Amino acid sequence: MLSDSMTVVATDDHLATSIECETVILQLESGTYYGLNEVASHLWDLLQEPRTVAELHDELCTTYDVSAERCRRDVESTLTNLADIDLVELEPERSV
């Protein structure tokens, strides 16, 4: 489970382009292509700058007609999947 204060950002090791409402990403190290639907594409756009999990959740929950619980589950699942294929970096919350 990801914490709300964890920071997430897209890695530099990819090429991405938008086609209509979807995004196609080439992960350069593996040479693998990935396709993102409209909602995941919106999340991907947000990940071009470091953001917290809470910021990402709030933005998508506000934009789309979805319950907060479903949105949280989907955001966390997508972020975990993107991290597993090295398209995003997850930074734990920082101690003060």
PDB file of N, CA and C in Angstrom:
ATOM      1  N   MET A   1       0.846  -1.184   0.000  1.00  0.00           N
ATOM      2  CA  MET A   1       0.000   0.000   0.000  1.00  0.00           C
ATOM      3  C   MET A   1       0.889   1.244   0.000  1.00  0.00           C
ATOM      4  N   LEU A   2       0.547   2.196  -0.810  1.00  0.00           N
ATOM      5  CA  LEU A   2       1.307   3.437  -0.918  1.00  0.00           C
ATOM      6  C   LEU A   2       0.774   4.460   0.083  1.00  0.00           C
ATOM      7  N   SER A   3       1.688   5.217   0.680  1.00  0.00           N
ATOM      8  CA  SER A   3       1.236   6.262   1.602  1.00  0.00           C
ATOM      9  C   SER A   3       0.905   7.526   0.814  1.00  0.00           C
ATOM     10  N   ASP A   4      -0.022   8.308   1.339  1.00  0.00           N
ATOM     11  CA  ASP A   4      -0.449   9.542   0.669  1.00  0.00           C
ATOM     12  C   ASP A   4       0.691  10.537   0.483  1.00  0.00           C
ATOM     13  N   SER A   5       1.678  10.518   1.379  1.00  0.00           N
ATOM     14  CA  SER A   5       2.760  11.499   1.303  1.00  0.00           C
ATOM     15  C   SER A   5       3.924  11.034   0.439  1.00  0.00           C
ATOM     16  N   MET A   6       3.853   9.815  -0.088  1.00  0.00           N
ATOM     17  CA  MET A   6       4.891   9.307  -0.977  1.00  0.00           C
ATOM     18  C   MET A   6       4.892  10.122  -2.267  1.00  0.00           C
ATOM     19  N   THR A   7       6.086  10.472  -2.754  1.00  0.00           N
ATOM     20  CA  THR A   7       6.223  11.239  -3.992  1.00  0.00           C
ATOM     21  C   THR A   7       6.461  10.294  -5.165  1.00  0.00           C
ATOM     22  N   VAL A   8       5.818  10.599  -6.283  1.00  0.00           N
ATOM     23  CA  VAL A   8       5.918   9.771  -7.487  1.00  0.00           C
ATOM     24  C   VAL A   8       6.253  10.678  -8.669  1.00  0.00           C
ATOM     25  N   VAL A   9       7.124  10.197  -9.556  1.00  0.00           N
ATOM     26  CA  VAL A   9       7.466  10.942 -10.770  1.00  0.00           C
ATOM     27  C   VAL A   9       7.836   9.948 -11.869  1.00  0.00           C
ATOM     28  N   ALA A  10       7.555  10.319 -13.109  1.00  0.00           N
ATOM     29  CA  ALA A  10       7.929   9.486 -14.258  1.00  0.00           C
ATOM     30  C   ALA A  10       9.446   9.437 -14.393  1.00  0.00           C
ATOM     31  N   THR A  11       9.967   8.292 -14.788  1.00  0.00           N
ATOM     32  CA  THR A  11      11.403   8.165 -15.035  1.00  0.00           C
ATOM     33  C   THR A  11      11.755   8.852 -16.356  1.00  0.00           C
ATOM     34  N   ASP A  12      13.045   8.984 -16.610  1.00  0.00           N
ATOM     35  CA  ASP A  12      13.505   9.580 -17.870  1.00  0.00           C
ATOM     36  C   ASP A  12      13.724   8.529 -18.955  1.00  0.00           C
ATOM     37  N   ASP A  13      13.686   7.255 -18.588  1.00  0.00           N
ATOM     38  CA  ASP A  13      14.038   6.175 -19.502  1.00  0.00           C
ATOM     39  C   ASP A  13      12.839   5.705 -20.334  1.00  0.00           C
ATOM     40  N   HIS A  14      12.212   6.637 -21.042  1.00  0.00           N
ATOM     41  CA  HIS A  14      11.057   6.286 -21.860  1.00  0.00           C
ATOM     42  C   HIS A  14      10.837   7.333 -22.958  1.00  0.00           C
ATOM     43  N   LEU A  15      10.066   6.946 -23.931  1.00  0.00           N
ATOM     44  CA  LEU A  15       9.529   7.871 -24.925  1.00  0.00           C
ATOM     45  C   LEU A  15       8.023   7.699 -24.867  1.00  0.00           C
ATOM     46  N   ALA A  16       7.278   8.795 -24.908  1.00  0.00           N
ATOM     47  CA  ALA A  16       5.820   8.708 -24.830  1.00  0.00           C
ATOM     48  C   ALA A  16       5.187   9.664 -25.822  1.00  0.00           C
ATOM     49  N   THR A  17       4.035   9.255 -26.323  1.00  0.00           N
ATOM     50  CA  THR A  17       3.264  10.123 -27.204  1.00  0.00           C
ATOM     51  C   THR A  17       1.778   9.867 -26.969  1.00  0.00           C
ATOM     52  N   SER A  18       0.995  10.896 -27.221  1.00  0.00           N
ATOM     53  CA  SER A  18      -0.454  10.770 -27.091  1.00  0.00           C
ATOM     54  C   SER A  18      -1.070  10.549 -28.462  1.00  0.00           C
ATOM     55  N   ILE A  19      -2.023   9.632 -28.508  1.00  0.00           N
ATOM     56  CA  ILE A  19      -2.786   9.362 -29.724  1.00  0.00           C
ATOM     57  C   ILE A  19      -4.241   9.429 -29.322  1.00  0.00           C
ATOM     58  N   GLU A  20      -4.917  10.499 -29.763  1.00  0.00           N
ATOM     59  CA  GLU A  20      -6.283  10.793 -29.341  1.00  0.00           C
ATOM     60  C   GLU A  20      -6.300  10.898 -27.816  1.00  0.00           C
ATOM     61  N   CYS A  21      -7.036  10.061 -27.114  1.00  0.00           N
ATOM     62  CA  CYS A  21      -7.132  10.159 -25.648  1.00  0.00           C
ATOM     63  C   CYS A  21      -6.265   9.125 -24.939  1.00  0.00           C
ATOM     64  N   GLU A  22      -5.383   8.463 -25.659  1.00  0.00           N
ATOM     65  CA  GLU A  22      -4.551   7.426 -25.071  1.00  0.00           C
ATOM     66  C   GLU A  22      -3.080   7.796 -25.200  1.00  0.00           C
ATOM     67  N   THR A  23      -2.250   7.140 -24.396  1.00  0.00           N
ATOM     68  CA  THR A  23      -0.810   7.366 -24.424  1.00  0.00           C
ATOM     69  C   THR A  23      -0.110   6.054 -24.724  1.00  0.00           C
ATOM     70  N   VAL A  24       0.904   6.121 -25.587  1.00  0.00           N
ATOM     71  CA  VAL A  24       1.755   4.978 -25.884  1.00  0.00           C
ATOM     72  C   VAL A  24       3.149   5.319 -25.358  1.00  0.00           C
ATOM     73  N   ILE A  25       3.711   4.379 -24.586  1.00  0.00           N
ATOM     74  CA  ILE A  25       5.010   4.602 -23.949  1.00  0.00           C
ATOM     75  C   ILE A  25       5.961   3.485 -24.367  1.00  0.00           C
ATOM     76  N   LEU A  26       7.174   3.862 -24.764  1.00  0.00           N
ATOM     77  CA  LEU A  26       8.240   2.902 -25.028  1.00  0.00           C
ATOM     78  C   LEU A  26       9.214   2.983 -23.868  1.00  0.00           C
ATOM     79  N   GLN A  27       9.356   1.889 -23.121  1.00  0.00           N
ATOM     80  CA  GLN A  27      10.344   1.813 -22.051  1.00  0.00           C
ATOM     81  C   GLN A  27      11.657   1.460 -22.733  1.00  0.00           C
ATOM     82  N   LEU A  28      12.614   2.391 -22.723  1.00  0.00           N
ATOM     83  CA  LEU A  28      13.814   2.266 -23.543  1.00  0.00           C
ATOM     84  C   LEU A  28      14.698   1.082 -23.170  1.00  0.00           C
ATOM     85  N   GLU A  29      14.872   0.816 -21.895  1.00  0.00           N
ATOM     86  CA  GLU A  29      15.765  -0.268 -21.485  1.00  0.00           C
ATOM     87  C   GLU A  29      15.262  -1.627 -21.962  1.00  0.00           C
ATOM     88  N   SER A  30      13.975  -1.862 -21.815  1.00  0.00           N
ATOM     89  CA  SER A  30      13.425  -3.171 -22.190  1.00  0.00           C
ATOM     90  C   SER A  30      12.971  -3.224 -23.651  1.00  0.00           C
ATOM     91  N   GLY A  31      12.711  -2.050 -24.247  1.00  0.00           N
ATOM     92  CA  GLY A  31      12.201  -2.011 -25.609  1.00  0.00           C
ATOM     93  C   GLY A  31      10.733  -2.395 -25.696  1.00  0.00           C
ATOM     94  N   THR A  32      10.044  -2.320 -24.563  1.00  0.00           N
ATOM     95  CA  THR A  32       8.648  -2.725 -24.493  1.00  0.00           C
ATOM     96  C   THR A  32       7.729  -1.516 -24.609  1.00  0.00           C
ATOM     97  N   TYR A  33       6.652  -1.680 -25.383  1.00  0.00           N
ATOM     98  CA  TYR A  33       5.635  -0.646 -25.518  1.00  0.00           C
ATOM     99  C   TYR A  33       4.497  -0.905 -24.535  1.00  0.00           C
ATOM    100  N   TYR A  34       3.937   0.178 -24.011  1.00  0.00           N
ATOM    101  CA  TYR A  34       2.778   0.090 -23.121  1.00  0.00           C
ATOM    102  C   TYR A  34       1.735   1.088 -23.593  1.00  0.00           C
ATOM    103  N   GLY A  35       0.468   0.732 -23.454  1.00  0.00           N
ATOM    104  CA  GLY A  35      -0.631   1.618 -23.814  1.00  0.00           C
ATOM    105  C   GLY A  35      -1.436   1.979 -22.580  1.00  0.00           C
ATOM    106  N   LEU A  36      -1.790   3.243 -22.472  1.00  0.00           N
ATOM    107  CA  LEU A  36      -2.587   3.720 -21.345  1.00  0.00           C
ATOM    108  C   LEU A  36      -3.920   4.264 -21.854  1.00  0.00           C
ATOM    109  N   ASN A  37      -4.992   3.900 -21.161  1.00  0.00           N
ATOM    110  CA  ASN A  37      -6.307   4.428 -21.528  1.00  0.00           C
ATOM    111  C   ASN A  37      -6.410   5.900 -21.120  1.00  0.00           C
ATOM    112  N   GLU A  38      -7.549   6.498 -21.322  1.00  0.00           N
ATOM    113  CA  GLU A  38      -7.741   7.932 -21.079  1.00  0.00           C
ATOM    114  C   GLU A  38      -7.415   8.338 -19.644  1.00  0.00           C
ATOM    115  N   VAL A  39      -7.915   7.599 -18.673  1.00  0.00           N
ATOM    116  CA  VAL A  39      -7.699   7.975 -17.267  1.00  0.00           C
ATOM    117  C   VAL A  39      -6.233   7.772 -16.886  1.00  0.00           C
ATOM    118  N   ALA A  40      -5.655   6.642 -17.274  1.00  0.00           N
ATOM    119  CA  ALA A  40      -4.239   6.404 -16.985  1.00  0.00           C
ATOM    120  C   ALA A  40      -3.357   7.416 -17.716  1.00  0.00           C
ATOM    121  N   SER A  41      -3.777   7.865 -18.881  1.00  0.00           N
ATOM    122  CA  SER A  41      -3.039   8.902 -19.613  1.00  0.00           C
ATOM    123  C   SER A  41      -3.046  10.223 -18.851  1.00  0.00           C
ATOM    124  N   HIS A  42      -4.177  10.545 -18.248  1.00  0.00           N
ATOM    125  CA  HIS A  42      -4.260  11.753 -17.423  1.00  0.00           C
ATOM    126  C   HIS A  42      -3.297  11.627 -16.244  1.00  0.00           C
ATOM    127  N   LEU A  43      -3.289  10.468 -15.598  1.00  0.00           N
ATOM    128  CA  LEU A  43      -2.366  10.223 -14.502  1.00  0.00           C
ATOM    129  C   LEU A  43      -0.922  10.357 -14.987  1.00  0.00           C
ATOM    130  N   TRP A  44      -0.616   9.785 -16.139  1.00  0.00           N
ATOM    131  CA  TRP A  44       0.734   9.864 -16.713  1.00  0.00           C
ATOM    132  C   TRP A  44       1.140  11.322 -16.937  1.00  0.00           C
ATOM    133  N   ASP A  45       0.242  12.126 -17.455  1.00  0.00           N
ATOM    134  CA  ASP A  45       0.541  13.552 -17.661  1.00  0.00           C
ATOM    135  C   ASP A  45       0.899  14.225 -16.338  1.00  0.00           C
ATOM    136  N   LEU A  46       0.166  13.899 -15.287  1.00  0.00           N
ATOM    137  CA  LEU A  46       0.441  14.478 -13.964  1.00  0.00           C
ATOM    138  C   LEU A  46       1.802  14.036 -13.433  1.00  0.00           C
ATOM    139  N   LEU A  47       2.229  12.848 -13.810  1.00  0.00           N
ATOM    140  CA  LEU A  47       3.484  12.288 -13.298  1.00  0.00           C
ATOM    141  C   LEU A  47       4.730  12.877 -13.956  1.00  0.00           C
ATOM    142  N   GLN A  48       4.559  13.797 -14.874  1.00  0.00           N
ATOM    143  CA  GLN A  48       5.725  14.415 -15.507  1.00  0.00           C
ATOM    144  C   GLN A  48       6.427  15.374 -14.548  1.00  0.00           C
ATOM    145  N   GLU A  49       5.789  15.681 -13.447  1.00  0.00           N
ATOM    146  CA  GLU A  49       6.386  16.455 -12.349  1.00  0.00           C
ATOM    147  C   GLU A  49       6.145  15.677 -11.067  1.00  0.00           C
ATOM    148  N   PRO A  50       7.079  15.748 -10.117  1.00  0.00           N
ATOM    149  CA  PRO A  50       6.878  15.014  -8.865  1.00  0.00           C
ATOM    150  C   PRO A  50       5.585  15.447  -8.160  1.00  0.00           C
ATOM    151  N   ARG A  51       4.815  14.469  -7.734  1.00  0.00           N
ATOM    152  CA  ARG A  51       3.565  14.729  -7.014  1.00  0.00           C
ATOM    153  C   ARG A  51       3.393  13.657  -5.951  1.00  0.00           C
ATOM    154  N   THR A  52       2.651  13.992  -4.925  1.00  0.00           N
ATOM    155  CA  THR A  52       2.360  12.989  -3.910  1.00  0.00           C
ATOM    156  C   THR A  52       1.201  12.110  -4.375  1.00  0.00           C
ATOM    157  N   VAL A  53       1.108  10.950  -3.767  1.00  0.00           N
ATOM    158  CA  VAL A  53      -0.005  10.056  -4.068  1.00  0.00           C
ATOM    159  C   VAL A  53      -1.319  10.762  -3.765  1.00  0.00           C
ATOM    160  N   ALA A  54      -1.369  11.522  -2.674  1.00  0.00           N
ATOM    161  CA  ALA A  54      -2.592  12.247  -2.309  1.00  0.00           C
ATOM    162  C   ALA A  54      -2.970  13.267  -3.379  1.00  0.00           C
ATOM    163  N   GLU A  55      -2.001  13.989  -3.918  1.00  0.00           N
ATOM    164  CA  GLU A  55      -2.287  14.968  -4.979  1.00  0.00           C
ATOM    165  C   GLU A  55      -2.853  14.280  -6.219  1.00  0.00           C
ATOM    166  N   LEU A  56      -2.267  13.160  -6.580  1.00  0.00           N
ATOM    167  CA  LEU A  56      -2.734  12.420  -7.753  1.00  0.00           C
ATOM    168  C   LEU A  56      -4.152  11.917  -7.540  1.00  0.00           C
ATOM    169  N   HIS A  57      -4.396  11.349  -6.390  1.00  0.00           N
ATOM    170  CA  HIS A  57      -5.727  10.848  -6.046  1.00  0.00           C
ATOM    171  C   HIS A  57      -6.749  11.972  -6.097  1.00  0.00           C
ATOM    172  N   ASP A  58      -6.442  13.096  -5.461  1.00  0.00           N
ATOM    173  CA  ASP A  58      -7.384  14.223  -5.405  1.00  0.00           C
ATOM    174  C   ASP A  58      -7.712  14.752  -6.793  1.00  0.00           C
ATOM    175  N   GLU A  59      -6.699  14.884  -7.638  1.00  0.00           N
ATOM    176  CA  GLU A  59      -6.907  15.395  -9.000  1.00  0.00           C
ATOM    177  C   GLU A  59      -7.805  14.462  -9.804  1.00  0.00           C
ATOM    178  N   LEU A  60      -7.535  13.168  -9.779  1.00  0.00           N
ATOM    179  CA  LEU A  60      -8.327  12.228 -10.570  1.00  0.00           C
ATOM    180  C   LEU A  60      -9.734  12.057 -10.001  1.00  0.00           C
ATOM    181  N   CYS A  61      -9.852  12.089  -8.692  1.00  0.00           N
ATOM    182  CA  CYS A  61     -11.165  11.930  -8.064  1.00  0.00           C
ATOM    183  C   CYS A  61     -12.057  13.136  -8.385  1.00  0.00           C
ATOM    184  N   THR A  62     -11.447  14.310  -8.488  1.00  0.00           N
ATOM    185  CA  THR A  62     -12.183  15.527  -8.828  1.00  0.00           C
ATOM    186  C   THR A  62     -12.585  15.545 -10.299  1.00  0.00           C
ATOM    187  N   THR A  63     -11.708  15.046 -11.158  1.00  0.00           N
ATOM    188  CA  THR A  63     -11.926  15.089 -12.600  1.00  0.00           C
ATOM    189  C   THR A  63     -12.947  14.064 -13.078  1.00  0.00           C
ATOM    190  N   TYR A  64     -12.936  12.875 -12.483  1.00  0.00           N
ATOM    191  CA  TYR A  64     -13.786  11.788 -12.955  1.00  0.00           C
ATOM    192  C   TYR A  64     -14.869  11.456 -11.934  1.00  0.00           C
ATOM    193  N   ASP A  65     -15.980  10.982 -12.424  1.00  0.00           N
ATOM    194  CA  ASP A  65     -17.115  10.616 -11.572  1.00  0.00           C
ATOM    195  C   ASP A  65     -16.876   9.218 -11.008  1.00  0.00           C
ATOM    196  N   VAL A  66     -16.160   9.178  -9.889  1.00  0.00           N
ATOM    197  CA  VAL A  66     -15.780   7.905  -9.274  1.00  0.00           C
ATOM    198  C   VAL A  66     -15.724   8.104  -7.765  1.00  0.00           C
ATOM    199  N   SER A  67     -16.014   7.055  -7.025  1.00  0.00           N
ATOM    200  CA  SER A  67     -15.939   7.147  -5.567  1.00  0.00           C
ATOM    201  C   SER A  67     -14.483   7.307  -5.138  1.00  0.00           C
ATOM    202  N   ALA A  68     -14.289   7.922  -3.998  1.00  0.00           N
ATOM    203  CA  ALA A  68     -12.936   8.133  -3.474  1.00  0.00           C
ATOM    204  C   ALA A  68     -12.229   6.801  -3.251  1.00  0.00           C
ATOM    205  N   GLU A  69     -12.948   5.809  -2.762  1.00  0.00           N
ATOM    206  CA  GLU A  69     -12.356   4.490  -2.503  1.00  0.00           C
ATOM    207  C   GLU A  69     -11.897   3.825  -3.796  1.00  0.00           C
ATOM    208  N   ARG A  70     -12.744   3.840  -4.806  1.00  0.00           N
ATOM    209  CA  ARG A  70     -12.399   3.239  -6.102  1.00  0.00           C
ATOM    210  C   ARG A  70     -11.234   3.984  -6.737  1.00  0.00           C
ATOM    211  N   CYS A  71     -11.257   5.305  -6.659  1.00  0.00           N
ATOM    212  CA  CYS A  71     -10.185   6.116  -7.228  1.00  0.00           C
ATOM    213  C   CYS A  71      -8.856   5.795  -6.547  1.00  0.00           C
ATOM    214  N   ARG A  72      -8.863   5.727  -5.224  1.00  0.00           N
ATOM    215  CA  ARG A  72      -7.635   5.417  -4.481  1.00  0.00           C
ATOM    216  C   ARG A  72      -7.089   4.052  -4.895  1.00  0.00           C
ATOM    217  N   ARG A  73      -7.946   3.063  -4.961  1.00  0.00           N
ATOM    218  CA  ARG A  73      -7.543   1.712  -5.330  1.00  0.00           C
ATOM    219  C   ARG A  73      -6.945   1.695  -6.743  1.00  0.00           C
ATOM    220  N   ASP A  74      -7.597   2.378  -7.678  1.00  0.00           N
ATOM    221  CA  ASP A  74      -7.120   2.392  -9.063  1.00  0.00           C
ATOM    222  C   ASP A  74      -5.814   3.167  -9.217  1.00  0.00           C
ATOM    223  N   VAL A  75      -5.694   4.303  -8.521  1.00  0.00           N
ATOM    224  CA  VAL A  75      -4.456   5.089  -8.577  1.00  0.00           C
ATOM    225  C   VAL A  75      -3.303   4.266  -8.015  1.00  0.00           C
ATOM    226  N   GLU A  76      -3.498   3.660  -6.862  1.00  0.00           N
ATOM    227  CA  GLU A  76      -2.438   2.859  -6.251  1.00  0.00           C
ATOM    228  C   GLU A  76      -2.054   1.677  -7.134  1.00  0.00           C
ATOM    229  N   SER A  77      -3.029   1.014  -7.713  1.00  0.00           N
ATOM    230  CA  SER A  77      -2.756  -0.119  -8.590  1.00  0.00           C
ATOM    231  C   SER A  77      -1.958   0.316  -9.818  1.00  0.00           C
ATOM    232  N   THR A  78      -2.377   1.404 -10.433  1.00  0.00           N
ATOM    233  CA  THR A  78      -1.682   1.902 -11.629  1.00  0.00           C
ATOM    234  C   THR A  78      -0.266   2.337 -11.291  1.00  0.00           C
ATOM    235  N   LEU A  79      -0.084   3.056 -10.187  1.00  0.00           N
ATOM    236  CA  LEU A  79       1.255   3.498  -9.790  1.00  0.00           C
ATOM    237  C   LEU A  79       2.163   2.304  -9.496  1.00  0.00           C
ATOM    238  N   THR A  80       1.626   1.304  -8.830  1.00  0.00           N
ATOM    239  CA  THR A  80       2.413   0.104  -8.531  1.00  0.00           C
ATOM    240  C   THR A  80       2.818  -0.605  -9.822  1.00  0.00           C
ATOM    241  N   ASN A  81       1.890  -0.717 -10.764  1.00  0.00           N
ATOM    242  CA  ASN A  81       2.206  -1.338 -12.053  1.00  0.00           C
ATOM    243  C   ASN A  81       3.266  -0.551 -12.811  1.00  0.00           C
ATOM    244  N   LEU A  82       3.144   0.771 -12.822  1.00  0.00           N
ATOM    245  CA  LEU A  82       4.133   1.609 -13.515  1.00  0.00           C
ATOM    246  C   LEU A  82       5.502   1.512 -12.847  1.00  0.00           C
ATOM    247  N   ALA A  83       5.527   1.402 -11.531  1.00  0.00           N
ATOM    248  CA  ALA A  83       6.796   1.247 -10.803  1.00  0.00           C
ATOM    249  C   ALA A  83       7.428  -0.113 -11.117  1.00  0.00           C
ATOM    250  N   ASP A  84       6.603  -1.148 -11.208  1.00  0.00           N
ATOM    251  CA  ASP A  84       7.102  -2.496 -11.492  1.00  0.00           C
ATOM    252  C   ASP A  84       7.786  -2.591 -12.854  1.00  0.00           C
ATOM    253  N   ILE A  85       7.381  -1.757 -13.797  1.00  0.00           N
ATOM    254  CA  ILE A  85       7.991  -1.775 -15.135  1.00  0.00           C
ATOM    255  C   ILE A  85       8.938  -0.589 -15.339  1.00  0.00           C
ATOM    256  N   ASP A  86       9.327   0.032 -14.219  1.00  0.00           N
ATOM    257  CA  ASP A  86      10.334   1.102 -14.203  1.00  0.00           C
ATOM    258  C   ASP A  86       9.959   2.333 -15.011  1.00  0.00           C
ATOM    259  N   LEU A  87       8.676   2.675 -15.020  1.00  0.00           N
ATOM    260  CA  LEU A  87       8.254   3.911 -15.686  1.00  0.00           C
ATOM    261  C   LEU A  87       8.038   5.045 -14.703  1.00  0.00           C
ATOM    262  N   VAL A  88       7.954   4.735 -13.414  1.00  0.00           N
ATOM    263  CA  VAL A  88       7.882   5.772 -12.383  1.00  0.00           C
ATOM    264  C   VAL A  88       8.804   5.418 -11.231  1.00  0.00           C
ATOM    265  N   GLU A  89       9.223   6.451 -10.512  1.00  0.00           N
ATOM    266  CA  GLU A  89      10.002   6.294  -9.290  1.00  0.00           C
ATOM    267  C   GLU A  89       9.116   6.656  -8.118  1.00  0.00           C
ATOM    268  N   LEU A  90       9.148   5.825  -7.097  1.00  0.00           N
ATOM    269  CA  LEU A  90       8.407   6.078  -5.871  1.00  0.00           C
ATOM    270  C   LEU A  90       9.404   6.481  -4.799  1.00  0.00           C
ATOM    271  N   GLU A  91       9.196   7.646  -4.205  1.00  0.00           N
ATOM    272  CA  GLU A  91      10.071   8.118  -3.140  1.00  0.00           C
ATOM    273  C   GLU A  91       9.299   8.111  -1.850  1.00  0.00           C
ATOM    274  N   PRO A  92       9.815   7.399  -0.829  1.00  0.00           N
ATOM    275  CA  PRO A  92       9.104   7.363   0.439  1.00  0.00           C
ATOM    276  C   PRO A  92       9.005   8.750   1.056  1.00  0.00           C
ATOM    277  N   GLU A  93       8.048   8.891   1.968  1.00  0.00           N
ATOM    278  CA  GLU A  93       7.904  10.176   2.639  1.00  0.00           C
ATOM    279  C   GLU A  93       9.186  10.476   3.399  1.00  0.00           C
ATOM    280  N   ARG A  94       9.503  11.749   3.476  1.00  0.00           N
ATOM    281  CA  ARG A  94      10.721  12.166   4.150  1.00  0.00           C
ATOM    282  C   ARG A  94      10.455  12.487   5.609  1.00  0.00           C
ATOM    283  N   SER A  95      11.372  12.061   6.457  1.00  0.00           N
ATOM    284  CA  SER A  95      11.274  12.379   7.874  1.00  0.00           C
ATOM    285  C   SER A  95      11.762  13.797   8.110  1.00  0.00           C
ATOM    286  N   VAL A  96      11.190  14.423   9.089  1.00  0.00           N
ATOM    287  CA  VAL A  96      11.596  15.806   9.391  1.00  0.00           C
ATOM    288  C   VAL A  96      12.724  15.809  10.368  1.00  0.00           C
TER     289      VAL A  96
END
